[in-house]
């Protein structure tokens, strides 16, 4: 569909305002009426430009995810033939910063955290397609670290362990339980966590590789 200039402006304004409101309130507590009011748009504008609240939220979330990947790329700028331990560190760095750093990410970081804290069916429908390439990348690195004789069970268990160490930090910060999250999460603190989780993961993967099955 071709939009007039004012249509393009309305489309972009709706996305901008929706990003702010969804970041602050989450999907469930955000209303189309509020988005339209704050963007000075007709109440039918969301349906016209996006096909409803669900589709608008999908687009906002896709934009947030893309921005997070742009700011913290999973390869960390490493060459494809860099040692697997370094590539694993880059992946953990990317994932943990995307989860914890809402400073550089701004609304994008808050939106990602909102979805972590209160998952919606809207995002479950599209999440697998967005996450699958990152999961496959991580799985490939772990398979390298485990060696050519690695079995699928061990690869999958190690993958689960690495990813959930990172995800747990997001859940813990939201609950404000650990002392490390009583104050603002600094980049230095996140980097410390990245180094710790990488060391812990590499040690666990090495121990798994040495198992006699």
Protein backbone atom coordinates (compact mmCIF):
# COMPACT_ATOMS: atom_id res chain seq x y z
CA UNK A 1 0.00 0.00 0.00
CA UNK A 2 1.33 3.44 -0.92
CA UNK A 3 0.91 6.08 1.76
CA UNK A 4 0.73 9.80 1.36
CA UNK A 5 3.32 11.86 3.23
CA UNK A 6 0.89 12.49 6.08
CA UNK A 7 0.13 8.76 6.20
CA UNK A 8 3.82 7.94 6.54
CA UNK A 9 4.14 10.53 9.30
CA UNK A 10 1.19 9.03 11.16
CA UNK A 11 2.57 5.50 10.78
CA UNK A 12 5.97 6.54 12.18
CA UNK A 13 4.44 8.62 14.97
CA UNK A 14 2.29 5.70 16.07
CA UNK A 15 5.37 3.46 16.22
CA UNK A 16 7.31 6.07 18.19
CA UNK A 17 4.56 6.64 20.73
CA UNK A 18 3.71 2.93 20.99
CA UNK A 19 7.35 2.16 21.78
CA UNK A 20 7.27 4.59 24.70
CA UNK A 21 3.95 3.41 26.11
CA UNK A 22 4.61 -0.32 25.67
CA UNK A 23 8.02 0.14 27.33
CA UNK A 24 6.47 1.86 30.35
CA UNK A 25 3.26 -0.13 30.75
CA UNK A 26 3.72 -3.40 28.92
CA UNK A 27 1.42 -4.88 26.32
CA UNK A 28 -1.58 -5.68 28.48
CA UNK A 29 -1.89 -2.31 30.23
CA UNK A 30 -1.44 -0.30 27.05
CA UNK A 31 -4.54 0.75 25.12
CA UNK A 32 -4.96 1.72 21.51
CA UNK A 33 -6.91 4.76 22.65
CA UNK A 34 -3.95 6.01 24.69
CA UNK A 35 -1.50 5.49 21.81
CA UNK A 36 -3.78 7.38 19.42
CA UNK A 37 -4.36 10.19 21.91
CA UNK A 38 -0.65 10.69 22.60
CA UNK A 39 0.23 10.56 18.90
CA UNK A 40 -2.64 12.95 18.04
CA UNK A 41 -4.05 10.34 15.68
CA UNK A 42 -7.54 9.22 14.81
CA UNK A 43 -8.73 6.28 16.96
CA UNK A 44 -8.90 4.16 13.80
CA UNK A 45 -5.27 4.87 12.85
CA UNK A 46 -3.79 1.78 14.52
CA UNK A 47 -6.16 -0.52 12.66
CA UNK A 48 -5.57 1.31 9.40
CA UNK A 49 -1.76 1.32 9.55
CA UNK A 50 -1.05 -1.92 11.45
CA UNK A 51 -4.20 -4.02 11.58
CA UNK A 52 -4.74 -3.73 15.32
CA UNK A 53 -2.93 -3.61 18.65
CA UNK A 54 -1.36 -7.07 18.27
CA UNK A 55 0.24 -6.22 14.94
CA UNK A 56 1.44 -2.85 16.21
CA UNK A 57 3.05 -4.53 19.21
CA UNK A 58 4.67 -7.11 16.94
CA UNK A 59 6.25 -4.34 14.87
CA UNK A 60 7.40 -2.41 17.94
CA UNK A 61 8.92 -5.59 19.38
CA UNK A 62 10.63 -6.51 16.10
CA UNK A 63 12.11 -3.02 15.96
CA UNK A 64 13.32 -3.32 19.56
CA UNK A 65 14.86 -6.72 18.88
CA UNK A 66 16.60 -5.45 15.74
CA UNK A 67 17.96 -2.44 17.62
CA UNK A 68 19.28 -4.67 20.40
CA UNK A 69 21.06 -6.89 17.87
CA UNK A 70 22.49 -3.82 16.13
CA UNK A 71 23.88 -2.36 19.35
CA UNK A 72 25.13 -5.71 20.66
CA UNK A 73 25.84 -7.97 17.66
CA UNK A 74 26.10 -11.68 18.54
CA UNK A 75 29.45 -12.09 16.77
CA UNK A 76 31.01 -9.22 18.70
CA UNK A 77 32.91 -8.21 15.57
CA UNK A 78 34.97 -11.41 15.66
CA UNK A 79 36.03 -13.28 12.53
CA UNK A 80 34.13 -16.52 11.85
CA UNK A 81 37.29 -18.55 12.47
CA UNK A 82 38.00 -17.01 15.90
CA UNK A 83 38.44 -19.59 18.69
CA UNK A 84 35.07 -20.98 19.85
CA UNK A 85 35.76 -19.84 23.43
CA UNK A 86 36.02 -16.23 22.20
CA UNK A 87 32.89 -16.56 20.08
CA UNK A 88 31.01 -17.96 23.09
CA UNK A 89 32.15 -14.97 25.15
CA UNK A 90 30.87 -12.64 22.40
CA UNK A 91 27.48 -14.37 22.37
CA UNK A 92 27.14 -14.19 26.14
CA UNK A 93 28.21 -10.53 26.04
CA UNK A 94 25.55 -9.80 23.43
CA UNK A 95 22.78 -11.68 25.23
CA UNK A 96 23.50 -10.37 28.72
CA UNK A 97 23.83 -6.76 27.59
CA UNK A 98 20.59 -7.03 25.62
CA UNK A 99 18.89 -8.32 28.76
CA UNK A 100 20.37 -5.94 31.31
CA UNK A 101 21.43 -2.75 29.54
CA UNK A 102 18.43 -0.53 28.98
CA UNK A 103 20.69 2.52 28.97
CA UNK A 104 22.07 2.35 25.44
CA UNK A 105 19.02 0.45 24.26
CA UNK A 106 16.54 2.87 25.80
CA UNK A 107 12.95 1.92 25.00
CA UNK A 108 14.15 -1.17 23.13
CA UNK A 109 15.73 -2.59 26.28
CA UNK A 110 12.66 -1.85 28.39
CA UNK A 111 10.37 -3.50 25.85
CA UNK A 112 12.50 -6.65 25.79
CA UNK A 113 12.48 -6.78 29.59
CA UNK A 114 8.71 -6.25 29.70
CA UNK A 115 8.26 -9.29 27.51
CA UNK A 116 10.65 -11.34 29.65
CA UNK A 117 8.82 -10.41 32.83
CA UNK A 118 5.31 -10.89 31.41
CA UNK A 119 5.36 -12.96 28.18
CA UNK A 120 2.50 -12.52 25.74
CA UNK A 121 1.06 -14.86 23.14
CA UNK A 122 1.62 -12.10 20.60
CA UNK A 123 5.39 -12.47 20.83
CA UNK A 124 5.41 -16.23 21.29
CA UNK A 125 4.11 -16.44 17.73
CA UNK A 126 7.11 -14.64 16.26
CA UNK A 127 9.85 -15.28 18.82
CA UNK A 128 11.04 -18.60 17.44
CA UNK A 129 11.82 -17.13 14.03
CA UNK A 130 13.81 -14.32 15.61
CA UNK A 131 15.63 -16.48 18.16
CA UNK A 132 16.32 -19.54 16.00
CA UNK A 133 19.44 -18.15 14.22
CA UNK A 134 20.97 -17.10 17.57
CA UNK A 135 20.19 -20.48 19.10
CA UNK A 136 21.75 -22.29 16.13
CA UNK A 137 24.86 -20.10 16.35
CA UNK A 138 25.27 -20.84 20.06
CA UNK A 139 24.61 -24.54 19.58
CA UNK A 140 27.27 -24.71 16.85
CA UNK A 141 29.87 -23.12 19.12
CA UNK A 142 29.06 -25.48 21.97
CA UNK A 143 29.31 -28.44 19.62
CA UNK A 144 32.79 -27.27 18.62
CA UNK A 145 33.81 -26.96 22.26
CA UNK A 146 32.47 -30.43 23.11
CA UNK A 147 34.35 -32.02 20.23
CA UNK A 148 33.46 -34.14 17.20
CA UNK A 149 32.06 -37.01 19.28
CA UNK A 150 29.55 -34.84 21.16
CA UNK A 151 26.06 -36.28 21.41
CA UNK A 152 22.92 -34.20 20.98
CA UNK A 153 21.84 -34.59 24.61
CA UNK A 154 25.04 -33.02 25.93
CA UNK A 155 24.97 -30.25 23.33
CA UNK A 156 21.40 -29.36 24.23
CA UNK A 157 22.03 -29.52 27.99
CA UNK A 158 25.04 -27.22 27.68
CA UNK A 159 23.08 -24.86 25.43
CA UNK A 160 20.28 -24.71 27.98
CA UNK A 161 22.75 -24.02 30.79
CA UNK A 162 24.51 -21.17 28.99
CA UNK A 163 21.34 -19.39 27.87
CA UNK A 164 19.50 -19.74 31.17
CA UNK A 165 22.39 -18.35 33.19
CA UNK A 166 21.94 -15.17 31.16
CA UNK A 167 18.15 -15.16 31.27
CA UNK A 168 18.21 -15.65 35.04
CA UNK A 169 20.01 -12.33 35.44
CA UNK A 170 17.08 -10.57 33.79
CA UNK A 171 14.53 -12.25 36.05
CA UNK A 172 16.61 -11.59 39.17
CA UNK A 173 17.05 -7.93 38.34
CA UNK A 174 13.31 -7.50 37.91
CA UNK A 175 12.77 -9.02 41.36
CA UNK A 176 15.66 -6.98 42.85
CA UNK A 177 16.71 -9.91 45.05
CA UNK A 178 20.49 -10.20 44.69
CA UNK A 179 22.70 -7.49 46.26
CA UNK A 180 24.34 -6.95 42.87
CA UNK A 181 21.07 -5.49 41.58
CA UNK A 182 20.17 -3.27 44.54
CA UNK A 183 21.58 -0.29 42.66
CA UNK A 184 21.80 0.71 39.01
CA UNK A 185 23.29 -2.03 36.85
CA UNK A 186 26.49 -0.56 35.42
CA UNK A 187 28.24 -1.66 32.27
CA UNK A 188 31.20 -2.72 34.42
CA UNK A 189 28.95 -5.00 36.48
CA UNK A 190 27.45 -6.52 33.34
CA UNK A 191 30.94 -7.16 31.95
CA UNK A 192 31.89 -8.89 35.22
CA UNK A 193 28.86 -11.14 34.85
CA UNK A 194 29.74 -11.85 31.22
CA UNK A 195 33.25 -12.96 32.21
CA UNK A 196 31.92 -15.09 35.09
CA UNK A 197 29.23 -16.82 33.04
CA UNK A 198 31.73 -17.47 30.24
CA UNK A 199 34.29 -19.02 32.62
CA UNK A 200 31.61 -21.05 34.37
CA UNK A 201 30.17 -22.25 31.07
CA UNK A 202 33.54 -23.17 29.55
CA UNK A 203 34.43 -25.15 32.67
CA UNK A 204 31.11 -26.99 32.54
CA UNK A 205 31.46 -27.72 28.84
CA UNK A 206 35.02 -28.98 29.39
CA UNK A 207 33.83 -31.27 32.20
CA UNK A 208 31.04 -32.60 29.98
CA UNK A 209 33.53 -33.28 27.20
CA UNK A 210 35.62 -35.38 29.58
CA UNK A 211 32.71 -37.55 30.64
CA UNK A 212 32.97 -41.18 29.67
CA UNK A 213 29.66 -42.15 28.15
